[in-house]
Amino acid sequence: MSTQKFSFKDKKDLLKLRLYDKVQRWLLPTVGRKQSEEAIKSYEFRDDDIIIATYMKSGTTLLQMLLYQLLTDGRMDFTHIYQKSPFIEETMVRGGRLDKYPSPRILKTHFYYDFFPPEMKGRFIVCVRNGMDVAVSKYHHYLNYNVPDLTWQDFYNKYWLDKNESYFPHVQGWLENEHNFDIYYLYYEDLISNKRSAIEGIARFLNISPTEETIQRVIDRTDFSFMKEHQDKFGEPLPGQYLEEYYSMGFGRKYFSSEQQSMFSQLYKQHLSRFGLRHGLVISPNNPTPAASR
């Protein structure tokens, strides 16, 4: 099944996909849910797959690089990180193959939890980031790559509140973990502020024992300065001034008006308040299985 190609039957679906950047990588589709679920089923996943599942702008690329450095010799002789850690959605849209990648595969997805079948194989690493920081980081991403004249208010109304792109049910689904997938939860804020601890936790989850030399290489090569120096390997270099904010914490609130903050709080209470989160919207390490809090 892994060699089967998938194509959207309705060309309008392709036209309605969100453009990810200028080299035409693709984001989570806002239409074609049924087609997307069928596409997922067309791929054969493996027991040792490691799938990074995040809402966009929540440390996905950082985790791809972290896992690549942790599980390999860390050579930087690739053109783009997708050669080492493919994006499931992009592979699907392009009719590509996942079976050519050696095990253990490091896969990336922004899909909602329920896009995956209950019998899904593999292990997941789910990283959650403070929602206000996500919103502003996503806004600047759109400014840099897609809509240079986009205002914050228009972004908030058109994209942030769009039910097809909503942060809140996306995170809720992965925290609920209805089908009991094998998931390791971590949060972006600790990934940035205490990377060694995050690496050691991931290593335990994967049942590996990296050497101190490997751990230090992972720390060094996922540092902001190193990834900025090699940013052409992780996406088109950012034309704007906001790359630093992608590694920052707590800056998002200043963009939200009082009314927007109130709406944010309502959505948080509706979708996420029962999970015992901290850092605003982040999983506590003392609550590693959010489904248990239901």
Protein backbone atom coordinates (compact mmCIF):
# COMPACT_ATOMS: atom_id res chain seq x y z
CA MET A 1 0.00 0.00 0.00
CA SER A 2 2.85 2.36 0.68
CA THR A 3 3.61 2.72 -3.03
CA GLN A 4 0.05 3.74 -3.90
CA LYS A 5 -0.33 7.27 -5.17
CA PHE A 6 -3.22 9.45 -4.09
CA SER A 7 -4.75 12.34 -5.94
CA PHE A 8 -7.61 14.65 -5.12
CA LYS A 9 -10.47 13.96 -7.53
CA ASP A 10 -11.78 17.50 -7.36
CA LYS A 11 -9.21 19.97 -8.66
CA LYS A 12 -10.95 22.69 -6.67
CA ASP A 13 -9.70 20.95 -3.53
CA LEU A 14 -6.14 21.55 -4.64
CA LEU A 15 -6.88 25.19 -5.32
CA LYS A 16 -8.30 25.59 -1.83
CA LEU A 17 -5.29 24.14 -0.05
CA ARG A 18 -3.26 26.60 2.01
CA LEU A 19 0.02 27.52 0.36
CA TYR A 20 2.80 26.83 2.83
CA ASP A 21 5.58 28.85 1.25
CA LYS A 22 6.94 30.13 -2.05
CA VAL A 23 8.37 26.79 -3.10
CA GLN A 24 4.84 25.36 -2.87
CA ARG A 25 4.95 23.14 0.13
CA TRP A 26 1.48 22.42 1.38
CA LEU A 27 -0.30 22.74 4.69
CA LEU A 28 -3.22 20.97 6.27
CA PRO A 29 -6.09 21.00 3.77
CA THR A 30 -9.11 23.08 4.73
CA VAL A 31 -11.34 20.99 2.47
CA GLY A 32 -11.27 17.41 1.32
CA ARG A 33 -11.38 15.83 4.77
CA LYS A 34 -12.68 12.54 3.42
CA GLN A 35 -9.98 12.49 0.76
CA SER A 36 -7.32 13.21 3.38
CA GLU A 37 -8.47 10.37 5.61
CA GLU A 38 -8.48 8.02 2.63
CA ALA A 39 -4.97 9.15 1.76
CA ILE A 40 -3.71 8.38 5.25
CA LYS A 41 -5.12 4.86 4.93
CA SER A 42 -3.29 4.43 1.62
CA TYR A 43 0.07 4.54 3.39
CA GLU A 44 1.51 1.64 5.32
CA PHE A 45 2.83 2.83 8.65
CA ARG A 46 5.40 0.88 10.65
CA ASP A 47 5.59 -0.06 14.31
CA ASP A 48 8.83 1.90 14.72
CA ASP A 49 7.65 5.07 12.97
CA ILE A 50 8.10 8.25 15.00
CA ILE A 51 5.46 10.81 14.07
CA ILE A 52 5.78 14.42 15.19
CA ALA A 53 2.21 15.69 15.51
CA THR A 54 1.73 19.41 16.11
CA TYR A 55 -0.35 22.39 15.24
CA MET A 56 1.76 24.59 12.99
CA LYS A 57 4.31 26.94 14.60
CA SER A 58 4.63 24.66 17.62
CA GLY A 59 8.22 23.45 17.37
CA THR A 60 7.73 20.96 14.54
CA THR A 61 10.88 21.72 12.57
CA LEU A 62 12.90 21.96 15.78
CA LEU A 63 11.73 18.46 16.72
CA GLN A 64 12.52 17.11 13.27
CA MET A 65 16.08 18.34 13.62
CA LEU A 66 16.30 17.13 17.21
CA LEU A 67 15.20 13.60 16.31
CA TYR A 68 17.41 13.48 13.23
CA GLN A 69 20.44 14.44 15.31
CA LEU A 70 19.45 12.04 18.09
CA LEU A 71 18.85 8.97 15.91
CA THR A 72 21.58 9.32 13.26
CA ASP A 73 25.17 10.43 12.94
CA GLY A 74 23.82 13.94 12.41
CA ARG A 75 25.53 14.72 9.11
CA MET A 76 24.28 17.95 7.53
CA ASP A 77 24.70 16.74 3.95
CA PHE A 78 21.01 17.12 3.06
CA THR A 79 19.38 19.86 1.03
CA HIS A 80 16.22 20.03 3.10
CA ILE A 81 15.14 18.37 6.34
CA TYR A 82 12.25 16.72 4.44
CA GLN A 83 14.83 14.43 2.88
CA LYS A 84 15.38 13.03 6.36
CA SER A 85 11.99 13.66 7.92
CA PRO A 86 9.14 13.81 5.39
CA PHE A 87 5.96 15.85 5.81
CA ILE A 88 3.04 13.42 5.44
CA GLU A 89 0.66 15.98 3.93
CA GLU A 90 3.16 17.15 1.34
CA THR A 91 4.02 13.58 0.39
CA MET A 92 0.32 12.86 -0.04
CA VAL A 93 -0.42 15.87 -2.23
CA ARG A 94 2.58 15.23 -4.45
CA GLY A 95 1.73 11.54 -4.85
CA GLY A 96 4.99 10.65 -3.16
CA ARG A 97 6.15 7.57 -1.28
CA LEU A 98 7.03 7.01 2.35
CA ASP A 99 8.30 3.46 1.94
CA LYS A 100 11.64 4.63 0.53
CA TYR A 101 12.68 6.05 3.91
CA PRO A 102 14.64 3.71 6.22
CA SER A 103 13.40 2.77 9.68
CA PRO A 104 12.90 4.30 12.08
CA ARG A 105 11.17 6.96 9.99
CA ILE A 106 10.80 10.44 11.46
CA LEU A 107 7.53 11.77 10.05
CA LYS A 108 5.85 15.13 10.44
CA THR A 109 2.14 15.98 10.40
CA HIS A 110 -0.21 18.84 11.19
CA PHE A 111 -3.28 16.65 10.68
CA TYR A 112 -6.02 16.47 13.27
CA TYR A 113 -5.95 13.41 15.53
CA ASP A 114 -9.04 11.82 14.03
CA PHE A 115 -7.57 11.80 10.53
CA PHE A 116 -5.61 8.74 11.66
CA PRO A 117 -7.29 5.30 11.87
CA PRO A 118 -7.79 3.69 15.31
CA GLU A 119 -5.39 0.88 14.38
CA MET A 120 -2.61 3.37 13.59
CA LYS A 121 0.91 2.04 14.11
CA GLY A 122 3.96 3.92 15.31
CA ARG A 123 4.78 6.29 18.13
CA PHE A 124 3.78 9.94 18.33
CA ILE A 125 5.53 12.94 19.82
CA VAL A 126 3.02 15.72 20.46
CA CYS A 127 4.31 19.19 21.23
CA VAL A 128 1.94 21.94 22.40
CA ARG A 129 2.74 25.64 22.51
CA ASN A 130 1.02 28.61 24.15
CA GLY A 131 -1.83 29.45 21.78
CA MET A 132 -1.32 33.20 21.70
CA ASP A 133 2.32 32.73 20.76
CA VAL A 134 1.22 30.24 18.08
CA ALA A 135 -1.27 32.73 16.66
CA VAL A 136 1.23 35.57 16.35
CA SER A 137 3.96 33.28 14.97
CA LYS A 138 1.48 31.99 12.40
CA TYR A 139 0.48 35.56 11.55
CA HIS A 140 4.08 36.52 10.83
CA HIS A 141 4.51 33.32 8.84
CA TYR A 142 1.65 34.42 6.59
CA LEU A 143 3.13 37.92 6.35
CA ASN A 144 6.51 36.58 5.31
CA TYR A 145 5.41 33.92 2.88
CA ASN A 146 1.88 34.52 1.69
CA VAL A 147 0.06 37.79 2.33
CA PRO A 148 2.48 40.69 2.95
CA ASP A 149 -0.34 43.22 3.48
CA LEU A 150 -2.29 41.08 5.93
CA THR A 151 -3.33 42.94 9.07
CA TRP A 152 -3.49 41.28 12.47
CA GLN A 153 -7.25 41.90 12.67
CA ASP A 154 -7.87 40.30 9.27
CA PHE A 155 -5.66 37.36 10.17
CA TYR A 156 -7.47 36.88 13.47
CA ASN A 157 -10.92 36.93 11.85
CA LYS A 158 -10.14 35.02 8.66
CA TYR A 159 -7.56 32.46 9.74
CA TRP A 160 -7.30 32.16 13.50
CA LEU A 161 -11.07 31.79 13.98
CA ASP A 162 -11.47 29.59 10.88
CA LYS A 163 -12.97 26.33 12.14
CA ASN A 164 -11.03 24.41 9.50
CA GLU A 165 -7.71 25.67 10.90
CA SER A 166 -8.63 25.99 14.56
CA TYR A 167 -5.89 25.51 17.13
CA PHE A 168 -8.21 24.51 19.96
CA PRO A 169 -9.93 21.36 18.61
CA HIS A 170 -6.64 20.33 17.00
CA VAL A 171 -4.84 20.34 20.34
CA GLN A 172 -7.88 18.89 22.14
CA GLY A 173 -7.97 15.83 19.89
CA TRP A 174 -4.32 14.99 20.47
CA LEU A 175 -4.67 15.46 24.23
CA GLU A 176 -7.77 13.28 24.46
CA ASN A 177 -6.05 10.46 22.56
CA GLU A 178 -9.30 8.56 22.10
CA HIS A 179 -7.65 5.55 20.47
CA ASN A 180 -4.79 5.31 22.98
CA PHE A 181 -1.99 5.90 20.52
CA ASP A 182 1.51 5.62 21.96
CA ILE A 183 2.16 9.33 22.60
CA TYR A 184 4.90 11.27 24.32
CA TYR A 185 3.73 14.76 25.31
CA LEU A 186 5.99 17.74 25.73
CA TYR A 187 5.61 21.43 25.50
CA TYR A 188 7.40 23.96 23.42
CA GLU A 189 8.32 26.19 26.34
CA ASP A 190 10.35 23.44 28.04
CA LEU A 191 11.80 22.33 24.73
CA ILE A 192 13.29 25.82 24.45
CA SER A 193 14.16 26.51 28.09
CA ASN A 194 15.33 23.05 29.19
CA LYS A 195 16.35 21.22 26.05
CA ARG A 196 18.56 18.64 27.74
CA SER A 197 15.65 17.45 29.87
CA ALA A 198 13.43 17.29 26.77
CA ILE A 199 16.05 15.23 24.91
CA GLU A 200 16.46 12.83 27.81
CA GLY A 201 12.68 12.40 28.09
CA ILE A 202 12.34 11.66 24.37
CA ALA A 203 15.24 9.20 24.57
CA ARG A 204 13.51 7.31 27.38
CA PHE A 205 10.30 7.21 25.37
CA LEU A 206 12.18 5.77 22.39
CA ASN A 207 14.11 3.32 24.58
CA ILE A 208 17.51 4.58 23.47
CA SER A 209 20.57 5.57 25.48
CA PRO A 210 22.42 8.36 23.69
CA THR A 211 25.96 9.17 24.67
CA GLU A 212 26.83 12.50 26.23
CA GLU A 213 28.53 13.41 22.95
CA THR A 214 25.30 12.78 21.05
CA ILE A 215 23.20 14.74 23.53
CA GLN A 216 25.56 17.70 23.29
CA ARG A 217 25.48 17.55 19.47
CA VAL A 218 21.67 17.60 19.58
CA ILE A 219 21.73 20.61 21.88
CA ASP A 220 24.26 22.45 19.74
CA ARG A 221 22.60 21.75 16.40
CA THR A 222 19.10 22.65 17.54
CA ASP A 223 20.33 25.93 18.94
CA PHE A 224 18.75 29.03 17.41
CA SER A 225 22.05 30.30 16.00
CA PHE A 226 22.89 26.99 14.29
CA MET A 227 19.45 26.58 12.74
CA LYS A 228 19.42 30.20 11.60
CA GLU A 229 22.83 29.71 9.98
CA HIS A 230 21.43 26.69 8.09
CA GLN A 231 17.87 27.91 7.66
CA ASP A 232 17.85 27.12 3.94
CA LYS A 233 17.75 23.45 5.01
CA PHE A 234 14.54 23.98 6.96
CA GLY A 235 12.60 26.21 4.58
CA GLU A 236 13.10 29.28 2.47
CA PRO A 237 15.06 31.93 4.43
CA LEU A 238 12.67 34.29 6.15
CA PRO A 239 12.51 37.75 4.55
CA GLY A 240 11.06 39.30 7.69
CA GLN A 241 12.42 40.12 11.12
CA TYR A 242 10.44 37.59 13.13
CA LEU A 243 12.60 34.45 13.17
CA GLU A 244 13.68 35.26 16.72
CA GLU A 245 10.05 35.33 17.82
CA TYR A 246 9.62 31.75 16.63
CA TYR A 247 11.98 30.79 19.46
CA SER A 248 10.43 33.19 21.96
CA MET A 249 7.84 32.71 24.68
CA GLY A 250 5.07 34.92 25.98
CA PHE A 251 5.19 37.58 23.27
CA GLY A 252 1.82 36.74 21.73
CA ARG A 253 -0.48 38.31 24.30
CA LYS A 254 0.49 41.86 23.36
CA TYR A 255 -1.12 41.40 19.94
CA PHE A 256 -4.51 40.37 21.35
CA SER A 257 -7.06 43.06 22.17
CA SER A 258 -9.12 42.72 25.34
CA GLU A 259 -12.01 41.37 23.28
CA GLN A 260 -9.74 38.88 21.51
CA GLN A 261 -8.25 37.75 24.82
CA SER A 262 -11.75 37.18 26.14
CA MET A 263 -12.65 35.07 23.12
CA PHE A 264 -9.40 33.15 23.49
CA SER A 265 -10.25 32.38 27.12
CA GLN A 266 -13.71 31.15 26.16
CA LEU A 267 -12.29 28.79 23.53
CA TYR A 268 -9.64 27.59 25.95
CA LYS A 269 -12.25 26.80 28.60
CA GLN A 270 -14.41 25.02 26.04
CA HIS A 271 -11.66 22.81 24.60
CA LEU A 272 -8.63 22.63 26.89
CA SER A 273 -9.26 23.71 30.48
CA ARG A 274 -9.86 20.15 31.73
CA PHE A 275 -6.39 18.93 30.81
CA GLY A 276 -4.47 20.57 33.64
CA LEU A 277 -2.23 22.73 31.49
CA ARG A 278 0.38 25.27 32.47
CA HIS A 279 2.53 27.92 30.75
CA GLY A 280 -0.81 29.18 29.51
CA LEU A 281 -1.64 26.19 27.34
CA VAL A 282 0.97 23.56 27.96
CA ILE A 283 0.97 20.03 29.35
CA SER A 284 2.36 19.45 32.80
CA PRO A 285 5.01 16.73 32.99
CA ASN A 286 3.07 15.40 36.01
CA ASN A 287 0.12 14.76 33.70
CA PRO A 288 1.68 12.65 30.93
CA THR A 289 -1.60 11.04 29.87
CA PRO A 290 -4.15 13.81 29.30
CA ALA A 291 -6.89 11.32 28.41
CA ALA A 292 -6.90 10.19 32.04
CA SER A 293 -8.16 13.61 33.11
CA ARG A 294 -11.40 13.30 31.20
